[in-house]
Each structure stands twice: as structure tokens, then as C-alpha cells.
Amino acid sequence: MRHASEEIFFSLMSEAGFATTDTIPFPLPGEDLVGKETVFVHLYRYETSDHMTEIALNSPCVDFSR
């Protein structure tokens, strides 16, 4: 996380039924004086639960090519 406010994202993902399966460090190039930075890529999987009993599908896409 780069900002404390990003914790909201992780909370919302958890509430929606997603669980972190892995966190991969990804080093970014940087200048020697400033220092290199590492970001973390989070991998998720969806966990079905009792609190989500119905899934509403998206509306079909409209074909504008005609």
C-alpha cells in the first residue's frame, strides 16, 4: 500500500467475498539517490458464501455493428 486510504479497497474486497491467495513483491526501477520502490500485486479468488444468495448477471451487450 502506498496510502493508508487504500485499506478501504482491501476491506471492500473482503466484504464482497474475495480472499487474497498470494501477494507478490514487484520491484520498480528507481534512482540510486531516491531509492528503489517495491509494490505488491495481490491475487484474489472469489469465495462463495451464505451472505450472497443470488448473483445478478449483467445485461447483454448491444451489438452496434449492424
PDB file of N, CA and C in Angstrom:
ATOM      1  N   MET A   1       0.831  -1.180   0.000  1.00  0.00           N
ATOM      2  CA  MET A   1       0.000   0.000   0.000  1.00  0.00           C
ATOM      3  C   MET A   1       0.871   1.238   0.000  1.00  0.00           C
ATOM      4  N   ARG A   2       0.481   2.176  -0.811  1.00  0.00           N
ATOM      5  CA  ARG A   2       1.206   3.441  -0.845  1.00  0.00           C
ATOM      6  C   ARG A   2       0.541   4.485   0.030  1.00  0.00           C
ATOM      7  N   HIS A   3      -0.750   4.311   0.279  1.00  0.00           N
ATOM      8  CA  HIS A   3      -1.500   5.276   1.075  1.00  0.00           C
ATOM      9  C   HIS A   3      -2.386   4.523   2.064  1.00  0.00           C
ATOM     10  N   ALA A   4      -2.557   5.085   3.228  1.00  0.00           N
ATOM     11  CA  ALA A   4      -3.388   4.443   4.248  1.00  0.00           C
ATOM     12  C   ALA A   4      -4.832   4.285   3.774  1.00  0.00           C
ATOM     13  N   SER A   5      -5.290   5.178   2.914  1.00  0.00           N
ATOM     14  CA  SER A   5      -6.671   5.108   2.435  1.00  0.00           C
ATOM     15  C   SER A   5      -6.929   3.880   1.560  1.00  0.00           C
ATOM     16  N   GLU A   6      -5.881   3.254   1.076  1.00  0.00           N
ATOM     17  CA  GLU A   6      -6.053   2.065   0.239  1.00  0.00           C
ATOM     18  C   GLU A   6      -6.568   0.876   1.044  1.00  0.00           C
ATOM     19  N   GLU A   7      -6.513   0.962   2.352  1.00  0.00           N
ATOM     20  CA  GLU A   7      -7.032  -0.114   3.201  1.00  0.00           C
ATOM     21  C   GLU A   7      -8.524  -0.322   2.951  1.00  0.00           C
ATOM     22  N   ILE A   8      -9.228   0.721   2.528  1.00  0.00           N
ATOM     23  CA  ILE A   8     -10.656   0.617   2.215  1.00  0.00           C
ATOM     24  C   ILE A   8     -10.874  -0.386   1.097  1.00  0.00           C
ATOM     25  N   PHE A   9     -10.011  -0.379   0.092  1.00  0.00           N
ATOM     26  CA  PHE A   9     -10.132  -1.313  -1.026  1.00  0.00           C
ATOM     27  C   PHE A   9     -10.082  -2.749  -0.527  1.00  0.00           C
ATOM     28  N   PHE A  10      -9.106  -3.061   0.323  1.00  0.00           N
ATOM     29  CA  PHE A  10      -8.955  -4.418   0.817  1.00  0.00           C
ATOM     30  C   PHE A  10     -10.151  -4.831   1.666  1.00  0.00           C
ATOM     31  N   SER A  11     -10.698  -3.901   2.410  1.00  0.00           N
ATOM     32  CA  SER A  11     -11.892  -4.177   3.210  1.00  0.00           C
ATOM     33  C   SER A  11     -13.096  -4.471   2.312  1.00  0.00           C
ATOM     34  N   LEU A  12     -13.269  -3.671   1.267  1.00  0.00           N
ATOM     35  CA  LEU A  12     -14.391  -3.888   0.336  1.00  0.00           C
ATOM     36  C   LEU A  12     -14.249  -5.214  -0.401  1.00  0.00           C
ATOM     37  N   MET A  13     -13.034  -5.577  -0.790  1.00  0.00           N
ATOM     38  CA  MET A  13     -12.815  -6.865  -1.460  1.00  0.00           C
ATOM     39  C   MET A  13     -13.210  -8.016  -0.539  1.00  0.00           C
ATOM     40  N   SER A  14     -12.834  -7.916   0.711  1.00  0.00           N
ATOM     41  CA  SER A  14     -13.168  -8.952   1.681  1.00  0.00           C
ATOM     42  C   SER A  14     -14.677  -9.043   1.886  1.00  0.00           C
ATOM     43  N   GLU A  15     -15.339  -7.894   2.030  1.00  0.00           N
ATOM     44  CA  GLU A  15     -16.786  -7.880   2.214  1.00  0.00           C
ATOM     45  C   GLU A  15     -17.517  -8.447   1.009  1.00  0.00           C
ATOM     46  N   ALA A  16     -16.943  -8.315  -0.188  1.00  0.00           N
ATOM     47  CA  ALA A  16     -17.571  -8.817  -1.406  1.00  0.00           C
ATOM     48  C   ALA A  16     -17.317 -10.307  -1.613  1.00  0.00           C
ATOM     49  N   GLY A  17     -16.533 -10.931  -0.735  1.00  0.00           N
ATOM     50  CA  GLY A  17     -16.324 -12.367  -0.835  1.00  0.00           C
ATOM     51  C   GLY A  17     -15.024 -12.783  -1.490  1.00  0.00           C
ATOM     52  N   PHE A  18     -14.093 -11.845  -1.660  1.00  0.00           N
ATOM     53  CA  PHE A  18     -12.807 -12.173  -2.262  1.00  0.00           C
ATOM     54  C   PHE A  18     -11.767 -12.389  -1.167  1.00  0.00           C
ATOM     55  N   ALA A  19     -10.907 -13.386  -1.374  1.00  0.00           N
ATOM     56  CA  ALA A  19      -9.848 -13.671  -0.410  1.00  0.00           C
ATOM     57  C   ALA A  19      -8.501 -13.583  -1.129  1.00  0.00           C
ATOM     58  N   THR A  20      -7.521 -13.016  -0.459  1.00  0.00           N
ATOM     59  CA  THR A  20      -6.177 -12.930  -1.029  1.00  0.00           C
ATOM     60  C   THR A  20      -5.558 -14.313  -1.057  1.00  0.00           C
ATOM     61  N   THR A  21      -5.093 -14.734  -2.232  1.00  0.00           N
ATOM     62  CA  THR A  21      -4.428 -16.026  -2.338  1.00  0.00           C
ATOM     63  C   THR A  21      -2.919 -15.882  -2.302  1.00  0.00           C
ATOM     64  N   ASP A  22      -2.423 -14.729  -2.744  1.00  0.00           N
ATOM     65  CA  ASP A  22      -0.981 -14.503  -2.752  1.00  0.00           C
ATOM     66  C   ASP A  22      -0.712 -13.014  -2.884  1.00  0.00           C
ATOM     67  N   THR A  23       0.433 -12.601  -2.405  1.00  0.00           N
ATOM     68  CA  THR A  23       0.901 -11.230  -2.562  1.00  0.00           C
ATOM     69  C   THR A  23       2.317 -11.317  -3.106  1.00  0.00           C
ATOM     70  N   ILE A  24       2.534 -10.740  -4.280  1.00  0.00           N
ATOM     71  CA  ILE A  24       3.817 -10.851  -4.967  1.00  0.00           C
ATOM     72  C   ILE A  24       4.532  -9.506  -4.944  1.00  0.00           C
ATOM     73  N   PRO A  25       5.753  -9.453  -4.399  1.00  0.00           N
ATOM     74  CA  PRO A  25       6.509  -8.196  -4.447  1.00  0.00           C
ATOM     75  C   PRO A  25       7.001  -7.937  -5.871  1.00  0.00           C
ATOM     76  N   PHE A  26       6.871  -6.713  -6.311  1.00  0.00           N
ATOM     77  CA  PHE A  26       7.267  -6.341  -7.670  1.00  0.00           C
ATOM     78  C   PHE A  26       8.155  -5.101  -7.571  1.00  0.00           C
ATOM     79  N   PRO A  27       9.482  -5.281  -7.673  1.00  0.00           N
ATOM     80  CA  PRO A  27      10.379  -4.128  -7.544  1.00  0.00           C
ATOM     81  C   PRO A  27      10.292  -3.208  -8.766  1.00  0.00           C
ATOM     82  N   LEU A  28      10.232  -1.921  -8.501  1.00  0.00           N
ATOM     83  CA  LEU A  28      10.208  -0.922  -9.561  1.00  0.00           C
ATOM     84  C   LEU A  28      11.592  -0.296  -9.691  1.00  0.00           C
ATOM     85  N   PRO A  29      11.967   0.065 -10.908  1.00  0.00           N
ATOM     86  CA  PRO A  29      13.269   0.727 -11.060  1.00  0.00           C
ATOM     87  C   PRO A  29      13.220   2.109 -10.410  1.00  0.00           C
ATOM     88  N   GLY A  30      14.340   2.540  -9.937  1.00  0.00           N
ATOM     89  CA  GLY A  30      14.400   3.855  -9.303  1.00  0.00           C
ATOM     90  C   GLY A  30      15.807   4.413  -9.367  1.00  0.00           C
ATOM     91  N   GLU A  31      15.929   5.647  -8.976  1.00  0.00           N
ATOM     92  CA  GLU A  31      17.234   6.291  -8.956  1.00  0.00           C
ATOM     93  C   GLU A  31      17.957   5.915  -7.669  1.00  0.00           C
ATOM     94  N   ASP A  32      19.272   5.841  -7.752  1.00  0.00           N
ATOM     95  CA  ASP A  32      20.048   5.441  -6.582  1.00  0.00           C
ATOM     96  C   ASP A  32      19.891   6.420  -5.428  1.00  0.00           C
ATOM     97  N   LEU A  33      19.780   7.724  -5.725  1.00  0.00           N
ATOM     98  CA  LEU A  33      19.654   8.719  -4.657  1.00  0.00           C
ATOM     99  C   LEU A  33      18.288   8.669  -3.980  1.00  0.00           C
ATOM    100  N   VAL A  34      17.251   8.434  -4.763  1.00  0.00           N
ATOM    101  CA  VAL A  34      15.891   8.408  -4.226  1.00  0.00           C
ATOM    102  C   VAL A  34      15.592   7.052  -3.587  1.00  0.00           C
ATOM    103  N   GLY A  35      16.112   6.001  -4.171  1.00  0.00           N
ATOM    104  CA  GLY A  35      15.854   4.654  -3.685  1.00  0.00           C
ATOM    105  C   GLY A  35      14.844   3.941  -4.552  1.00  0.00           C
ATOM    106  N   LYS A  36      14.949   2.654  -4.552  1.00  0.00           N
ATOM    107  CA  LYS A  36      14.030   1.842  -5.349  1.00  0.00           C
ATOM    108  C   LYS A  36      12.773   1.568  -4.536  1.00  0.00           C
ATOM    109  N   GLU A  37      11.691   1.359  -5.252  1.00  0.00           N
ATOM    110  CA  GLU A  37      10.405   1.134  -4.609  1.00  0.00           C
ATOM    111  C   GLU A  37       9.898  -0.249  -4.976  1.00  0.00           C
ATOM    112  N   THR A  38       9.210  -0.878  -4.060  1.00  0.00           N
ATOM    113  CA  THR A  38       8.583  -2.172  -4.317  1.00  0.00           C
ATOM    114  C   THR A  38       7.085  -2.020  -4.144  1.00  0.00           C
ATOM    115  N   VAL A  39       6.331  -2.486  -5.121  1.00  0.00           N
ATOM    116  CA  VAL A  39       4.877  -2.536  -4.999  1.00  0.00           C
ATOM    117  C   VAL A  39       4.488  -4.008  -4.867  1.00  0.00           C
ATOM    118  N   PHE A  40       3.297  -4.247  -4.367  1.00  0.00           N
ATOM    119  CA  PHE A  40       2.847  -5.618  -4.162  1.00  0.00           C
ATOM    120  C   PHE A  40       1.608  -5.874  -4.996  1.00  0.00           C
ATOM    121  N   VAL A  41       1.638  -6.947  -5.773  1.00  0.00           N
ATOM    122  CA  VAL A  41       0.499  -7.370  -6.577  1.00  0.00           C
ATOM    123  C   VAL A  41      -0.266  -8.396  -5.749  1.00  0.00           C
ATOM    124  N   HIS A  42      -1.540  -8.131  -5.526  1.00  0.00           N
ATOM    125  CA  HIS A  42      -2.371  -9.035  -4.724  1.00  0.00           C
ATOM    126  C   HIS A  42      -3.213  -9.892  -5.663  1.00  0.00           C
ATOM    127  N   LEU A  43      -3.185 -11.184  -5.448  1.00  0.00           N
ATOM    128  CA  LEU A  43      -4.005 -12.114  -6.220  1.00  0.00           C
ATOM    129  C   LEU A  43      -5.181 -12.541  -5.353  1.00  0.00           C
ATOM    130  N   TYR A  44      -6.363 -12.531  -5.956  1.00  0.00           N
ATOM    131  CA  TYR A  44      -7.586 -12.845  -5.224  1.00  0.00           C
ATOM    132  C   TYR A  44      -8.307 -14.026  -5.844  1.00  0.00           C
ATOM    133  N   ARG A  45      -9.103 -14.660  -5.020  1.00  0.00           N
ATOM    134  CA  ARG A  45     -10.056 -15.650  -5.524  1.00  0.00           C
ATOM    135  C   ARG A  45     -11.386 -15.351  -4.840  1.00  0.00           C
ATOM    136  N   TYR A  46     -12.433 -15.689  -5.554  1.00  0.00           N
ATOM    137  CA  TYR A  46     -13.768 -15.433  -5.016  1.00  0.00           C
ATOM    138  C   TYR A  46     -14.205 -16.615  -4.174  1.00  0.00           C
ATOM    139  N   GLU A  47     -14.646 -16.345  -2.968  1.00  0.00           N
ATOM    140  CA  GLU A  47     -15.166 -17.381  -2.086  1.00  0.00           C
ATOM    141  C   GLU A  47     -16.670 -17.229  -2.003  1.00  0.00           C
ATOM    142  N   THR A  48     -17.382 -18.282  -2.359  1.00  0.00           N
ATOM    143  CA  THR A  48     -18.831 -18.221  -2.224  1.00  0.00           C
ATOM    144  C   THR A  48     -19.181 -18.277  -0.747  1.00  0.00           C
ATOM    145  N   SER A  49     -20.253 -17.618  -0.401  1.00  0.00           N
ATOM    146  CA  SER A  49     -20.659 -17.599   0.998  1.00  0.00           C
ATOM    147  C   SER A  49     -22.171 -17.547   1.086  1.00  0.00           C
ATOM    148  N   ASP A  50     -22.662 -17.744   2.288  1.00  0.00           N
ATOM    149  CA  ASP A  50     -24.105 -17.742   2.516  1.00  0.00           C
ATOM    150  C   ASP A  50     -24.720 -16.350   2.381  1.00  0.00           C
ATOM    151  N   HIS A  51     -23.904 -15.295   2.577  1.00  0.00           N
ATOM    152  CA  HIS A  51     -24.493 -13.958   2.532  1.00  0.00           C
ATOM    153  C   HIS A  51     -24.789 -13.494   1.110  1.00  0.00           C
ATOM    154  N   MET A  52     -24.307 -14.214   0.127  1.00  0.00           N
ATOM    155  CA  MET A  52     -24.622 -13.880  -1.272  1.00  0.00           C
ATOM    156  C   MET A  52     -25.433 -15.035  -1.850  1.00  0.00           C
ATOM    157  N   THR A  53     -26.730 -14.896  -1.847  1.00  0.00           N
ATOM    158  CA  THR A  53     -27.585 -15.998  -2.274  1.00  0.00           C
ATOM    159  C   THR A  53     -27.968 -15.909  -3.742  1.00  0.00           C
ATOM    160  N   GLU A  54     -27.846 -14.731  -4.343  1.00  0.00           N
ATOM    161  CA  GLU A  54     -28.259 -14.573  -5.736  1.00  0.00           C
ATOM    162  C   GLU A  54     -27.256 -13.699  -6.466  1.00  0.00           C
ATOM    163  N   ILE A  55     -26.911 -14.111  -7.661  1.00  0.00           N
ATOM    164  CA  ILE A  55     -25.997 -13.336  -8.485  1.00  0.00           C
ATOM    165  C   ILE A  55     -26.784 -12.800  -9.673  1.00  0.00           C
ATOM    166  N   ALA A  56     -26.781 -11.502  -9.858  1.00  0.00           N
ATOM    167  CA  ALA A  56     -27.469 -10.878 -10.983  1.00  0.00           C
ATOM    168  C   ALA A  56     -26.481 -10.733 -12.132  1.00  0.00           C
ATOM    169  N   LEU A  57     -26.820 -11.296 -13.273  1.00  0.00           N
ATOM    170  CA  LEU A  57     -25.951 -11.197 -14.430  1.00  0.00           C
ATOM    171  C   LEU A  57     -26.071  -9.830 -15.070  1.00  0.00           C
ATOM    172  N   ASN A  58     -24.994  -9.411 -15.726  1.00  0.00           N
ATOM    173  CA  ASN A  58     -25.012  -8.142 -16.455  1.00  0.00           C
ATOM    174  C   ASN A  58     -25.953  -8.237 -17.640  1.00  0.00           C
ATOM    175  N   SER A  59     -26.455  -7.106 -18.046  1.00  0.00           N
ATOM    176  CA  SER A  59     -27.297  -7.078 -19.249  1.00  0.00           C
ATOM    177  C   SER A  59     -26.452  -7.469 -20.445  1.00  0.00           C
ATOM    178  N   PRO A  60     -27.066  -8.093 -21.443  1.00  0.00           N
ATOM    179  CA  PRO A  60     -26.273  -8.464 -22.621  1.00  0.00           C
ATOM    180  C   PRO A  60     -25.744  -7.226 -23.336  1.00  0.00           C
ATOM    181  N   CYS A  61     -24.617  -7.383 -23.964  1.00  0.00           N
ATOM    182  CA  CYS A  61     -24.013  -6.282 -24.729  1.00  0.00           C
ATOM    183  C   CYS A  61     -24.844  -6.009 -25.969  1.00  0.00           C
ATOM    184  N   VAL A  62     -24.923  -4.786 -26.340  1.00  0.00           N
ATOM    185  CA  VAL A  62     -25.655  -4.392 -27.540  1.00  0.00           C
ATOM    186  C   VAL A  62     -24.683  -4.440 -28.707  1.00  0.00           C
ATOM    187  N   ASP A  63     -25.094  -5.073 -29.792  1.00  0.00           N
ATOM    188  CA  ASP A  63     -24.252  -5.182 -30.979  1.00  0.00           C
ATOM    189  C   ASP A  63     -24.549  -3.995 -31.890  1.00  0.00           C
ATOM    190  N   PHE A  64     -23.621  -3.016 -31.898  1.00  0.00           N
ATOM    191  CA  PHE A  64     -23.791  -1.813 -32.716  1.00  0.00           C
ATOM    192  C   PHE A  64     -23.213  -1.980 -34.121  1.00  0.00           C
ATOM    193  N   SER A  65     -22.706  -3.147 -34.444  1.00  0.00           N
ATOM    194  CA  SER A  65     -22.062  -3.328 -35.743  1.00  0.00           C
ATOM    195  C   SER A  65     -23.073  -3.487 -36.875  1.00  0.00           C
ATOM    196  N   ARG A  66     -24.350  -3.617 -36.553  1.00  0.00           N
ATOM    197  CA  ARG A  66     -25.352  -3.797 -37.612  1.00  0.00           C
ATOM    198  C   ARG A  66     -25.802  -2.487 -38.181  1.00  0.00           C
TER     199      ARG A  66
END
